[in-house]
């Protein structure tokens, strides 16, 4: 399973939404009904799952599923290419 698919499944599971709702442009708070605590917990889970560290200054800028994916890609660097979908 690639990073994109795995990330979308993590988001769907964590926010208790159907995977079909987790589109690249879905807004985590407005579309997927996450609150600020959900986002903190989700990012911690992502950090653990992909062995990355998302600094607070970057975490504050994450609004959409695509923002999450882009941040993971940046943090993973070359490892992203190995695990991508």
N, C-alpha and C. Protein backbone atom coordinates (compact mmCIF):
# COMPACT_ATOMS: atom_id res chain seq x y z
N UNK A 1 0.85 -1.18 0.00
CA UNK A 1 0.00 0.00 0.00
C UNK A 1 0.89 1.24 0.00
N UNK A 2 0.52 2.19 -0.84
CA UNK A 2 1.31 3.41 -0.93
C UNK A 2 0.97 4.41 0.15
N UNK A 3 1.79 5.43 0.24
CA UNK A 3 1.64 6.46 1.26
C UNK A 3 0.30 7.19 1.12
N UNK A 4 -0.08 7.53 -0.11
CA UNK A 4 -1.31 8.29 -0.31
C UNK A 4 -2.53 7.49 0.16
N UNK A 5 -2.61 6.26 -0.26
CA UNK A 5 -3.72 5.41 0.14
C UNK A 5 -3.73 5.18 1.64
N UNK A 6 -2.56 4.89 2.19
CA UNK A 6 -2.45 4.65 3.62
C UNK A 6 -2.85 5.89 4.42
N UNK A 7 -2.43 7.06 3.95
CA UNK A 7 -2.77 8.31 4.63
C UNK A 7 -4.27 8.56 4.60
N UNK A 8 -4.87 8.36 3.44
CA UNK A 8 -6.32 8.57 3.33
C UNK A 8 -7.09 7.59 4.21
N UNK A 9 -6.62 6.36 4.31
CA UNK A 9 -7.27 5.39 5.20
C UNK A 9 -7.12 5.80 6.66
N UNK A 10 -5.94 6.30 7.03
CA UNK A 10 -5.73 6.79 8.40
C UNK A 10 -6.69 7.93 8.72
N UNK A 11 -6.82 8.86 7.79
CA UNK A 11 -7.71 10.00 7.99
C UNK A 11 -9.15 9.53 8.14
N UNK A 12 -9.58 8.65 7.25
CA UNK A 12 -10.95 8.14 7.30
C UNK A 12 -11.22 7.43 8.62
N UNK A 13 -10.30 6.57 9.03
CA UNK A 13 -10.47 5.84 10.29
C UNK A 13 -10.48 6.79 11.48
N UNK A 14 -9.53 7.71 11.49
CA UNK A 14 -9.39 8.60 12.64
C UNK A 14 -10.60 9.53 12.79
N UNK A 15 -11.12 10.00 11.66
CA UNK A 15 -12.24 10.95 11.71
C UNK A 15 -13.59 10.27 11.55
N UNK A 16 -13.55 8.96 11.45
CA UNK A 16 -14.78 8.15 11.34
C UNK A 16 -15.66 8.63 10.18
N UNK A 17 -15.02 8.75 9.01
CA UNK A 17 -15.74 9.11 7.79
C UNK A 17 -15.48 8.05 6.74
N UNK A 18 -16.32 8.01 5.73
CA UNK A 18 -16.14 7.07 4.63
C UNK A 18 -14.93 7.48 3.79
N UNK A 19 -14.17 6.50 3.36
CA UNK A 19 -12.96 6.77 2.58
C UNK A 19 -13.27 7.60 1.33
N UNK A 20 -14.46 7.46 0.77
CA UNK A 20 -14.83 8.21 -0.43
C UNK A 20 -14.90 9.72 -0.17
N UNK A 21 -15.06 10.11 1.08
CA UNK A 21 -15.10 11.53 1.44
C UNK A 21 -13.72 12.14 1.55
N UNK A 22 -12.71 11.31 1.67
CA UNK A 22 -11.34 11.77 1.88
C UNK A 22 -10.67 12.00 0.52
N UNK A 23 -11.09 13.09 -0.13
CA UNK A 23 -10.51 13.47 -1.42
C UNK A 23 -9.35 14.42 -1.17
N UNK A 24 -8.51 14.59 -2.18
CA UNK A 24 -7.34 15.46 -2.02
C UNK A 24 -7.71 16.87 -1.58
N UNK A 25 -8.81 17.39 -2.10
CA UNK A 25 -9.17 18.77 -1.78
C UNK A 25 -10.14 18.90 -0.60
N UNK A 26 -10.44 17.79 0.07
CA UNK A 26 -11.34 17.84 1.23
C UNK A 26 -10.68 18.63 2.36
N UNK A 27 -11.43 19.57 2.90
CA UNK A 27 -10.96 20.38 4.03
C UNK A 27 -11.20 19.57 5.30
N UNK A 28 -10.16 19.42 6.08
CA UNK A 28 -10.24 18.55 7.26
C UNK A 28 -11.31 19.00 8.25
N UNK A 29 -11.43 20.29 8.47
CA UNK A 29 -12.40 20.79 9.45
C UNK A 29 -13.77 21.03 8.82
N UNK A 30 -13.81 21.67 7.67
CA UNK A 30 -15.10 22.03 7.07
C UNK A 30 -15.80 20.85 6.43
N UNK A 31 -15.06 20.01 5.71
CA UNK A 31 -15.68 18.89 4.99
C UNK A 31 -15.71 17.59 5.80
N UNK A 32 -14.65 17.34 6.57
CA UNK A 32 -14.55 16.07 7.29
C UNK A 32 -14.86 16.22 8.78
N UNK A 33 -15.24 17.42 9.19
CA UNK A 33 -15.71 17.72 10.54
C UNK A 33 -14.71 17.42 11.66
N UNK A 34 -13.43 17.59 11.35
CA UNK A 34 -12.41 17.43 12.38
C UNK A 34 -12.39 18.68 13.26
N UNK A 35 -12.08 18.50 14.54
CA UNK A 35 -11.83 19.66 15.39
C UNK A 35 -10.33 19.75 15.63
N UNK A 36 -9.89 20.75 16.36
CA UNK A 36 -8.46 20.96 16.53
C UNK A 36 -7.79 19.79 17.25
N UNK A 37 -8.47 19.18 18.20
CA UNK A 37 -7.90 18.02 18.89
C UNK A 37 -7.78 16.83 17.94
N UNK A 38 -8.78 16.64 17.08
CA UNK A 38 -8.70 15.58 16.06
C UNK A 38 -7.46 15.76 15.20
N UNK A 39 -7.19 17.00 14.80
CA UNK A 39 -6.05 17.26 13.93
C UNK A 39 -4.73 16.97 14.63
N UNK A 40 -4.61 17.37 15.88
CA UNK A 40 -3.40 17.08 16.64
C UNK A 40 -3.19 15.58 16.76
N UNK A 41 -4.23 14.86 17.13
CA UNK A 41 -4.14 13.40 17.25
C UNK A 41 -3.81 12.75 15.91
N UNK A 42 -4.44 13.22 14.85
CA UNK A 42 -4.20 12.67 13.52
C UNK A 42 -2.75 12.87 13.11
N UNK A 43 -2.23 14.06 13.30
CA UNK A 43 -0.84 14.33 12.92
C UNK A 43 0.14 13.51 13.75
N UNK A 44 -0.17 13.30 15.01
CA UNK A 44 0.68 12.44 15.84
C UNK A 44 0.67 11.01 15.32
N UNK A 45 -0.49 10.54 14.91
CA UNK A 45 -0.61 9.19 14.35
C UNK A 45 0.17 9.09 13.04
N UNK A 46 0.10 10.11 12.22
CA UNK A 46 0.83 10.12 10.95
C UNK A 46 2.33 10.14 11.20
N UNK A 47 2.77 10.94 12.17
CA UNK A 47 4.19 10.97 12.51
C UNK A 47 4.69 9.59 12.90
N UNK A 48 3.92 8.91 13.70
CA UNK A 48 4.30 7.58 14.14
C UNK A 48 4.28 6.57 12.99
N UNK A 49 3.24 6.63 12.19
CA UNK A 49 3.07 5.68 11.09
C UNK A 49 4.18 5.78 10.04
N UNK A 50 4.58 7.01 9.72
CA UNK A 50 5.55 7.23 8.66
C UNK A 50 6.94 7.62 9.17
N UNK A 51 7.12 7.60 10.48
CA UNK A 51 8.41 7.92 11.09
C UNK A 51 8.92 9.28 10.62
N UNK A 52 8.05 10.29 10.75
CA UNK A 52 8.40 11.66 10.40
C UNK A 52 8.06 12.57 11.58
N UNK A 53 8.58 13.79 11.52
CA UNK A 53 8.24 14.78 12.53
C UNK A 53 7.71 16.02 11.82
N UNK A 54 6.49 16.40 12.15
CA UNK A 54 5.88 17.58 11.55
C UNK A 54 5.94 18.69 12.57
N UNK A 55 6.75 19.70 12.28
CA UNK A 55 6.91 20.81 13.21
C UNK A 55 5.61 21.59 13.33
N UNK A 56 5.42 22.18 14.49
CA UNK A 56 4.19 22.92 14.78
C UNK A 56 3.92 24.02 13.76
N UNK A 57 4.98 24.70 13.33
CA UNK A 57 4.79 25.80 12.35
C UNK A 57 4.23 25.27 11.03
N UNK A 58 4.55 24.03 10.69
CA UNK A 58 4.01 23.42 9.47
C UNK A 58 2.62 22.83 9.73
N UNK A 59 2.44 22.27 10.90
CA UNK A 59 1.15 21.66 11.25
C UNK A 59 0.04 22.70 11.21
N UNK A 60 0.34 23.91 11.62
CA UNK A 60 -0.67 24.98 11.65
C UNK A 60 -1.18 25.34 10.25
N UNK A 61 -0.39 25.03 9.23
CA UNK A 61 -0.76 25.37 7.85
C UNK A 61 -1.56 24.26 7.17
N UNK A 62 -1.71 23.12 7.81
CA UNK A 62 -2.42 21.99 7.22
C UNK A 62 -3.92 22.20 7.34
N UNK A 63 -4.58 22.30 6.20
CA UNK A 63 -6.02 22.52 6.15
C UNK A 63 -6.76 21.43 5.38
N UNK A 64 -6.11 20.86 4.36
CA UNK A 64 -6.77 19.89 3.49
C UNK A 64 -6.02 18.55 3.51
N UNK A 65 -6.65 17.56 2.93
CA UNK A 65 -6.00 16.25 2.80
C UNK A 65 -4.73 16.40 1.97
N UNK A 66 -4.78 17.20 0.91
CA UNK A 66 -3.60 17.41 0.09
C UNK A 66 -2.47 18.07 0.88
N UNK A 67 -2.80 18.98 1.79
CA UNK A 67 -1.78 19.60 2.64
C UNK A 67 -1.08 18.53 3.48
N UNK A 68 -1.85 17.58 3.99
CA UNK A 68 -1.27 16.47 4.78
C UNK A 68 -0.32 15.68 3.90
N UNK A 69 -0.78 15.31 2.71
CA UNK A 69 0.03 14.51 1.80
C UNK A 69 1.32 15.23 1.40
N UNK A 70 1.21 16.51 1.11
CA UNK A 70 2.40 17.29 0.73
C UNK A 70 3.40 17.38 1.88
N UNK A 71 2.92 17.56 3.10
CA UNK A 71 3.82 17.64 4.24
C UNK A 71 4.51 16.30 4.47
N UNK A 72 3.78 15.20 4.34
CA UNK A 72 4.39 13.88 4.49
C UNK A 72 5.47 13.70 3.42
N UNK A 73 5.15 14.09 2.20
CA UNK A 73 6.11 13.96 1.10
C UNK A 73 7.39 14.73 1.39
N UNK A 74 7.25 15.94 1.89
CA UNK A 74 8.42 16.76 2.23
C UNK A 74 9.22 16.10 3.35
N UNK A 75 8.54 15.65 4.39
CA UNK A 75 9.23 15.07 5.54
C UNK A 75 9.87 13.72 5.21
N UNK A 76 9.26 12.95 4.34
CA UNK A 76 9.80 11.64 3.99
C UNK A 76 10.96 11.74 3.00
N UNK A 77 10.98 12.78 2.21
CA UNK A 77 12.04 12.93 1.22
C UNK A 77 12.08 11.75 0.26
N UNK A 78 13.24 11.15 0.14
CA UNK A 78 13.44 10.03 -0.79
C UNK A 78 12.60 8.82 -0.43
N UNK A 79 12.28 8.65 0.82
CA UNK A 79 11.47 7.50 1.23
C UNK A 79 10.09 7.55 0.59
N UNK A 80 9.59 8.75 0.26
CA UNK A 80 8.28 8.89 -0.40
C UNK A 80 8.29 8.16 -1.74
N UNK A 81 9.35 8.34 -2.52
CA UNK A 81 9.42 7.73 -3.85
C UNK A 81 9.36 6.21 -3.77
N UNK A 82 9.91 5.64 -2.74
CA UNK A 82 9.92 4.20 -2.57
C UNK A 82 8.52 3.69 -2.24
N UNK A 83 7.76 4.46 -1.45
CA UNK A 83 6.46 3.99 -0.93
C UNK A 83 5.26 4.60 -1.60
N UNK A 84 5.44 5.47 -2.60
CA UNK A 84 4.29 6.15 -3.18
C UNK A 84 3.38 5.18 -3.91
N UNK A 85 2.13 5.62 -4.14
CA UNK A 85 1.13 4.79 -4.82
C UNK A 85 1.52 4.58 -6.26
